Amino acid sequence: MPVDSIDFSVMTHYISFAAGLTATGQMSWGGNFIGERRKPLNDRVHAAGKPVLLCMGGWGSDGNFSSAMSPANRQTTINTILSVIRTYEFDGVDWDWE
């Protein structure tokens, strides 16, 4: 559906699916994230007064999450996620750690 056809005012929030993490705490988009479209879409959702959440994870993500949150990689993981949240103006993260 074209973004112009979406009535964001009827939503309680918007979840942007799905980012992942590499074992070392870097983002792994898996083809689900197109950066040049993300910020304009998030801006549109915010203009409707709704929050935008970044969904992280999904089926099969548990191995990388465990490694990314290990003591050796935790700070990189946190910095990576915070950078993405700030860059694209997400309001929070929906952890789908399976």
Protein backbone atom coordinates (compact mmCIF):
# COMPACT_ATOMS: atom_id res chain seq x y z
CA MET A 1 0.00 0.00 0.00
CA PRO A 2 1.39 3.42 -0.86
CA VAL A 3 2.26 5.41 2.24
CA ASP A 4 -0.05 8.22 1.07
CA SER A 5 -2.98 5.81 1.42
CA ILE A 6 -2.34 4.91 5.05
CA ASP A 7 -4.42 6.62 7.71
CA PHE A 8 -1.94 6.68 10.58
CA SER A 9 -4.44 8.51 12.80
CA VAL A 10 -6.39 5.27 13.35
CA MET A 11 -3.34 3.44 14.71
CA THR A 12 -2.14 3.35 18.29
CA HIS A 13 1.48 2.95 17.15
CA TYR A 14 3.53 1.80 14.19
CA ILE A 15 6.04 -1.05 14.41
CA SER A 16 8.80 -1.09 11.84
CA PHE A 17 9.69 -4.74 11.20
CA ALA A 18 12.36 -6.12 11.36
CA ALA A 19 15.92 -5.43 12.27
CA GLY A 20 18.32 -7.98 13.57
CA LEU A 21 21.71 -8.04 15.17
CA THR A 22 24.89 -9.73 14.14
CA ALA A 23 26.68 -11.76 16.79
CA THR A 24 29.01 -8.79 17.37
CA GLY A 25 26.23 -6.24 17.90
CA GLN A 26 25.95 -4.60 14.49
CA MET A 27 22.62 -4.15 12.71
CA SER A 28 21.52 -6.80 10.25
CA TRP A 29 18.57 -5.61 8.23
CA GLY A 30 18.11 -8.68 6.05
CA GLY A 31 16.62 -6.61 3.24
CA ASN A 32 13.77 -5.36 5.47
CA PHE A 33 15.03 -1.83 5.95
CA ILE A 34 15.46 0.86 3.32
CA GLY A 35 17.07 3.79 5.10
CA GLU A 36 16.10 6.53 2.68
CA ARG A 37 12.44 5.62 3.16
CA ARG A 38 12.52 5.02 6.91
CA LYS A 39 12.95 8.59 8.18
CA PRO A 40 10.21 10.07 5.92
CA LEU A 41 7.81 7.30 6.97
CA ASN A 42 8.63 7.80 10.65
CA ASP A 43 8.08 11.55 10.18
CA ARG A 44 4.66 10.86 8.72
CA VAL A 45 3.66 8.59 11.61
CA HIS A 46 4.87 11.19 14.11
CA ALA A 47 2.88 13.89 12.29
CA ALA A 48 -0.22 11.80 13.05
CA GLY A 49 0.78 11.85 16.73
CA LYS A 50 1.72 8.19 16.90
CA PRO A 51 4.90 6.53 18.19
CA VAL A 52 7.16 4.43 15.99
CA LEU A 53 8.80 1.32 17.37
CA LEU A 54 11.74 -0.53 15.85
CA CYS A 55 11.08 -4.27 15.95
CA MET A 56 14.24 -6.24 16.57
CA GLY A 57 14.40 -9.96 16.09
CA GLY A 58 11.96 -12.59 15.03
CA TRP A 59 12.23 -16.25 14.26
CA GLY A 60 15.75 -17.63 14.52
CA SER A 61 17.28 -14.54 16.09
CA ASP A 62 18.06 -16.01 19.50
CA GLY A 63 21.62 -17.08 18.68
CA ASN A 64 22.76 -13.66 17.50
CA PHE A 65 20.92 -11.89 20.32
CA SER A 66 22.67 -14.05 22.90
CA SER A 67 26.07 -13.33 21.40
CA ALA A 68 25.32 -9.63 20.83
CA MET A 69 24.30 -9.21 24.48
CA SER A 70 27.31 -11.07 25.84
CA PRO A 71 29.61 -9.01 28.08
CA ALA A 72 32.13 -8.71 25.23
CA ASN A 73 29.59 -7.26 22.75
CA ARG A 74 26.94 -5.61 24.93
CA GLN A 75 28.25 -2.03 24.73
CA THR A 76 28.57 -2.20 20.94
CA THR A 77 25.04 -3.59 20.72
CA ILE A 78 23.59 -0.83 22.89
CA ASN A 79 25.47 1.87 20.98
CA THR A 80 24.31 0.42 17.65
CA ILE A 81 20.65 0.38 18.69
CA LEU A 82 20.80 3.88 20.18
CA SER A 83 22.40 5.20 16.99
CA VAL A 84 19.61 3.76 14.84
CA ILE A 85 16.93 5.09 17.20
CA ARG A 86 18.43 8.58 17.06
CA THR A 87 19.10 8.58 13.31
CA TYR A 88 15.63 7.47 12.26
CA GLU A 89 13.75 8.94 15.27
CA PHE A 90 12.22 5.77 16.64
CA ASP A 91 10.38 6.10 19.95
CA GLY A 92 11.37 2.72 21.31
CA VAL A 93 12.27 -0.86 20.55
CA ASP A 94 10.06 -3.92 20.37
CA TRP A 95 12.33 -6.86 21.26
CA ASP A 96 11.16 -10.04 19.54
CA TRP A 97 13.86 -12.25 20.96
CA GLU A 98 12.86 -15.80 20.06
